Protein backbone atom coordinates (compact mmCIF):
# COMPACT_ATOMS: atom_id res chain seq x y z
CA UNK A 1 0.13 0.02 0.30
CA UNK A 2 2.83 2.37 0.85
CA UNK A 3 4.48 1.95 -2.67
CA UNK A 4 1.24 2.58 -4.36
CA UNK A 5 0.47 5.85 -2.37
CA UNK A 6 3.93 7.21 -2.82
CA UNK A 7 4.04 6.19 -6.57
CA UNK A 8 0.75 8.03 -7.04
CA UNK A 9 1.47 11.08 -5.25
CA UNK A 10 4.97 11.63 -6.59
CA UNK A 11 4.26 10.42 -10.39
CA UNK A 12 6.79 7.63 -10.26
CA UNK A 13 6.44 3.81 -11.40
CA UNK A 14 5.11 1.62 -8.41
CA UNK A 15 7.87 -0.96 -8.96
CA UNK A 16 10.97 1.94 -8.86
CA UNK A 17 9.36 3.13 -5.83
CA UNK A 18 9.12 -0.46 -4.18
CA UNK A 19 12.68 -0.95 -4.92
CA UNK A 20 13.86 2.03 -3.61
CA UNK A 21 11.95 1.62 -0.34
CA UNK A 22 13.66 -1.71 -0.04
CA UNK A 23 17.08 -0.09 -0.45
CA UNK A 24 16.29 2.54 2.10
CA UNK A 25 14.97 0.09 4.54
CA UNK A 26 18.44 -1.91 4.03
CA UNK A 27 20.24 1.30 5.04
CA UNK A 28 21.43 2.48 1.69
CA UNK A 29 21.84 6.28 1.41
CA UNK A 30 20.14 8.49 -1.03
CA UNK A 31 23.52 9.52 -2.74
CA UNK A 32 24.33 5.95 -3.04
CA UNK A 33 20.92 4.78 -4.41
CA UNK A 34 20.81 7.82 -6.77
CA UNK A 35 24.23 6.93 -8.30
CA UNK A 36 24.73 3.42 -8.17
CA UNK A 37 21.39 1.77 -8.34
CA UNK A 38 19.76 3.35 -11.34
CA UNK A 39 18.89 0.19 -12.50
CA UNK A 40 16.56 -0.53 -9.58
CA UNK A 41 15.27 3.01 -9.34
CA UNK A 42 14.61 3.64 -13.03
CA UNK A 43 17.18 6.41 -12.99
CA UNK A 44 15.87 8.28 -10.16
CA UNK A 45 17.90 11.37 -9.41
CA UNK A 46 18.78 12.37 -5.65
CA UNK A 47 15.84 14.87 -5.47
CA UNK A 48 13.36 12.01 -6.51
CA UNK A 49 14.95 9.48 -4.07
CA UNK A 50 14.86 12.05 -1.45
CA UNK A 51 11.06 12.53 -2.00
CA UNK A 52 10.44 8.73 -1.79
CA UNK A 53 12.40 8.81 1.58
CA UNK A 54 10.45 11.68 2.78
CA UNK A 55 7.17 10.14 1.87
CA UNK A 56 8.02 6.93 3.35
CA UNK A 57 9.01 8.47 6.67
CA UNK A 58 5.89 10.68 6.93
CA UNK A 59 3.42 7.53 5.89
CA UNK A 60 5.46 5.33 8.16
CA UNK A 61 4.79 7.61 11.12
CA UNK A 62 1.24 7.98 10.08
CA UNK A 63 0.91 4.28 10.28
CA UNK A 64 2.25 4.52 14.02
CA UNK A 65 -0.33 7.27 15.07
CA UNK A 66 -2.87 5.14 13.33
CA UNK A 67 -2.18 2.14 15.39
CA UNK A 68 -2.24 4.28 18.52
CA UNK A 69 -5.71 5.89 17.80
CA UNK A 70 -7.15 2.36 17.08
CA UNK A 71 -5.58 1.31 20.58
CA UNK A 72 -7.12 4.17 22.23
CA UNK A 73 -10.49 4.02 20.83
CA UNK A 74 -10.67 0.12 21.43
CA UNK A 75 -9.54 0.98 24.88
CA UNK A 76 -12.76 3.21 25.37
CA UNK A 77 -15.16 0.37 24.03
CA UNK A 78 -16.05 2.85 21.21
CA UNK A 79 -14.29 1.20 18.16
CA UNK A 80 -17.09 0.04 15.69
CA UNK A 81 -16.37 -2.07 12.73
CA UNK A 82 -16.96 0.91 10.71
CA UNK A 83 -15.00 3.35 12.46
CA UNK A 84 -12.01 0.93 12.30
CA UNK A 85 -12.38 0.49 8.60
CA UNK A 86 -12.59 4.27 8.16
CA UNK A 87 -9.48 4.59 10.14
CA UNK A 88 -7.37 1.92 8.30
CA UNK A 89 -8.29 3.37 5.24
CA UNK A 90 -7.12 6.89 5.96
CA UNK A 91 -4.00 8.18 4.70
CA UNK A 92 -4.32 11.76 5.44
CA UNK A 93 -2.93 13.15 8.66
CA UNK A 94 -5.33 16.01 9.08
CA UNK A 95 -8.39 13.73 8.39
CA UNK A 96 -6.87 11.03 10.99
CA UNK A 97 -6.74 13.67 13.61
CA UNK A 98 -10.25 14.89 12.73
CA UNK A 99 -11.67 11.22 13.11
CA UNK A 100 -9.86 10.90 16.38
CA UNK A 101 -10.62 14.15 17.95
CA UNK A 102 -13.93 13.25 19.60
CA UNK A 103 -12.32 10.07 21.26
CA UNK A 104 -9.29 12.02 22.08
CA UNK A 105 -8.76 12.00 25.78
CA UNK A 106 -8.67 15.47 27.16
CA UNK A 107 -8.44 17.95 30.17
CA UNK A 108 -12.07 18.76 31.66
CA UNK A 109 -13.45 21.37 29.59
CA UNK A 110 -16.24 23.94 29.96
CA UNK A 111 -18.50 21.99 28.04
CA UNK A 112 -17.72 18.65 30.16
CA UNK A 113 -18.67 20.99 33.27
CA UNK A 114 -21.81 22.00 31.43
CA UNK A 115 -23.01 18.35 30.65
CA UNK A 116 -22.34 17.68 34.54
CA UNK A 117 -24.69 20.37 35.19
CA UNK A 118 -27.49 18.78 32.84
CA UNK A 119 -27.29 21.17 30.16
CA UNK A 120 -26.85 18.84 27.15
CA UNK A 121 -30.55 18.76 26.68
CA UNK A 122 -30.70 22.49 26.23
CA UNK A 123 -27.85 22.42 23.94
CA UNK A 124 -29.85 20.11 21.81
CA UNK A 125 -32.83 22.07 21.79
CA UNK A 126 -30.81 25.29 20.65
CA UNK A 127 -29.06 23.39 18.04
CA UNK A 128 -32.46 22.16 16.67
CA UNK A 129 -33.21 25.68 15.52
CA UNK A 130 -36.88 25.29 15.65
CA UNK A 131 -37.95 28.70 16.91
CA UNK A 132 -38.26 27.41 20.71
CA UNK A 133 -38.64 30.02 23.28
CA UNK A 134 -34.92 29.37 24.36
CA UNK A 135 -34.65 32.09 27.27
CA UNK A 136 -37.99 30.54 28.91
CA UNK A 137 -36.90 26.97 28.35
CA UNK A 138 -33.39 27.73 29.63
CA UNK A 139 -35.16 28.37 33.30
CA UNK A 140 -35.93 24.63 33.50
CA UNK A 141 -32.34 23.73 33.54
CA UNK A 142 -31.22 25.83 36.52
CA UNK A 143 -28.85 23.95 38.89
CA UNK A 144 -27.49 26.22 41.53
CA UNK A 145 -25.78 23.34 43.27
CA UNK A 146 -23.51 23.35 39.88
CA UNK A 147 -23.06 26.90 39.40
CA UNK A 148 -26.15 27.58 37.01
CA UNK A 149 -28.32 30.05 38.82
CA UNK A 150 -29.70 32.14 36.11
CA UNK A 151 -30.88 31.37 32.41
CA UNK A 152 -27.97 33.27 31.26
CA UNK A 153 -25.80 31.08 32.93
CA UNK A 154 -27.59 27.93 31.66
CA UNK A 155 -27.41 29.10 28.05
CA UNK A 156 -23.73 29.95 28.35
CA UNK A 157 -22.99 26.40 29.25
CA UNK A 158 -25.13 25.11 26.47
CA UNK A 159 -23.37 27.30 24.04
CA UNK A 160 -20.10 25.74 25.46
CA UNK A 161 -21.51 22.36 24.45
CA UNK A 162 -22.45 23.17 20.92
CA UNK A 163 -19.02 25.10 20.44
CA UNK A 164 -17.14 21.92 21.35
CA UNK A 165 -19.36 19.67 19.15
CA UNK A 166 -18.82 22.01 16.10
CA UNK A 167 -15.03 21.99 16.95
CA UNK A 168 -14.89 18.29 16.85
CA UNK A 169 -17.13 17.73 13.95
CA UNK A 170 -15.11 16.14 11.19
CA UNK A 171 -17.28 17.82 8.22
CA UNK A 172 -16.98 21.32 9.92
CA UNK A 173 -13.31 21.03 10.09
CA UNK A 174 -12.85 20.06 6.65
CA UNK A 175 -15.31 22.65 5.16
CA UNK A 176 -13.40 25.38 7.19
CA UNK A 177 -9.97 24.17 5.83
CA UNK A 178 -11.40 24.31 2.28
CA UNK A 179 -12.68 28.00 3.01
CA UNK A 180 -9.02 28.76 3.95
CA UNK A 181 -7.36 27.06 1.10
CA UNK A 182 -9.64 28.90 -1.32
CA UNK A 183 -10.70 32.10 0.07
CA UNK A 184 -8.19 33.21 2.59
CA UNK A 185 -6.43 36.43 2.44
CA UNK A 186 -2.80 37.09 3.82
CA UNK A 187 -1.97 40.73 5.15
CA UNK A 188 0.96 42.16 6.65
CA UNK A 189 1.28 45.86 8.14
CA UNK A 190 4.51 47.46 9.47
CA UNK A 191 4.44 47.82 13.20
CA UNK A 192 4.42 51.63 14.28
CA UNK A 193 7.80 52.99 14.92
CA UNK A 194 9.75 49.97 13.07
CA UNK A 195 9.60 51.82 9.60
CA UNK A 196 13.18 52.92 9.71
CA UNK A 197 14.93 49.86 10.54
CA UNK A 198 12.34 47.92 8.34
CA UNK A 199 13.25 49.26 4.84
CA UNK A 200 14.28 45.87 3.65
CA UNK A 201 10.42 44.85 4.09
CA UNK A 202 9.09 48.19 2.86
CA UNK A 203 7.03 46.38 0.17
CA UNK A 204 5.10 44.62 2.85
CA UNK A 205 4.44 47.73 5.22
CA UNK A 206 0.77 47.46 3.85
CA UNK A 207 0.16 44.38 1.83
CA UNK A 208 -2.76 42.10 1.25
CA UNK A 209 -3.50 39.61 -1.25
CA UNK A 210 -5.53 36.12 -1.55
CA UNK A 211 -3.43 33.56 0.09
CA UNK A 212 -3.75 31.03 -2.89
CA UNK A 213 -2.11 33.40 -5.01
CA UNK A 214 1.00 34.20 -2.60
CA UNK A 215 4.10 33.06 -4.04
CA UNK A 216 6.66 31.28 -1.58
CA UNK A 217 9.16 34.18 -1.98
CA UNK A 218 6.60 36.72 -0.64
CA UNK A 219 5.17 34.21 2.21
CA UNK A 220 8.99 33.92 3.44
CA UNK A 221 9.48 37.57 3.27
CA UNK A 222 6.66 38.33 5.21
CA UNK A 223 7.37 35.83 7.96
CA UNK A 224 10.99 36.89 7.98
CA UNK A 225 9.66 40.65 8.71
CA UNK A 226 7.36 39.20 11.45
CA UNK A 227 10.21 37.21 13.09
CA UNK A 228 12.33 40.20 13.17
CA UNK A 229 9.65 42.34 14.87
CA UNK A 230 8.85 44.62 11.71
CA UNK A 231 5.55 43.45 10.31
CA UNK A 232 2.36 41.95 11.69
CA UNK A 233 1.16 39.29 9.39
CA UNK A 234 -2.35 37.51 9.58
CA UNK A 235 -4.12 35.01 7.43
CA UNK A 236 -8.10 35.42 7.49
CA UNK A 237 -11.35 34.55 5.89
CA UNK A 238 -14.52 36.38 5.72
CA UNK A 239 -16.02 35.62 9.18
CA UNK A 240 -19.80 35.42 7.62
CA UNK A 241 -18.56 33.09 4.92
CA UNK A 242 -16.87 30.77 7.43
CA UNK A 243 -19.94 30.89 9.75
CA UNK A 244 -22.41 29.79 6.93
């Protein structure tokens, strides 16, 4: 499976990728493989061999992470056949972490406190968005012993539960990644008073463009200016579009 994924991603022949993986696992170095094993690699140069090595390392680490996630969810008694198949078929690190997030052991959160106070049914009512009189309904969920003494506190707890649900929702996370990938804007501004010493970055004193069109050299220049304390750099999307 690894050879097939790497071959497809790098546009190389699967047999040559397999041979290269075997050589790497036998301890051969990248310069040695590219110079003296051309018949096995189909003439790959050192850049291509290095790319195979990098992908192999990344996928090997992904396999380890996947095994850990399977063991962790199984230990919780929540590993269904369908979930196991999804995890075993996943070869994208971000997607794998999205799948795992609802099962990930975490510190006690505000949402957990709200659940313990009995506010999950109120969160369900709010999230249903069916026009129910929420303020009035919230009075049914007061629990002074748990710190919920007012409707406002009940509503805040319910919102904490909904916020955690959304943040752990795989579809929501993928949708937001798509929004940033296609619609994000990168902007940089000079920090007030830094103009004299930041003349090397004057092109970016007031700069804005779509992130998808930002060249690598411009991105590196802005990040360098940020690291040197000359620029403030932000990457953002339209809030309304993201919320929708």
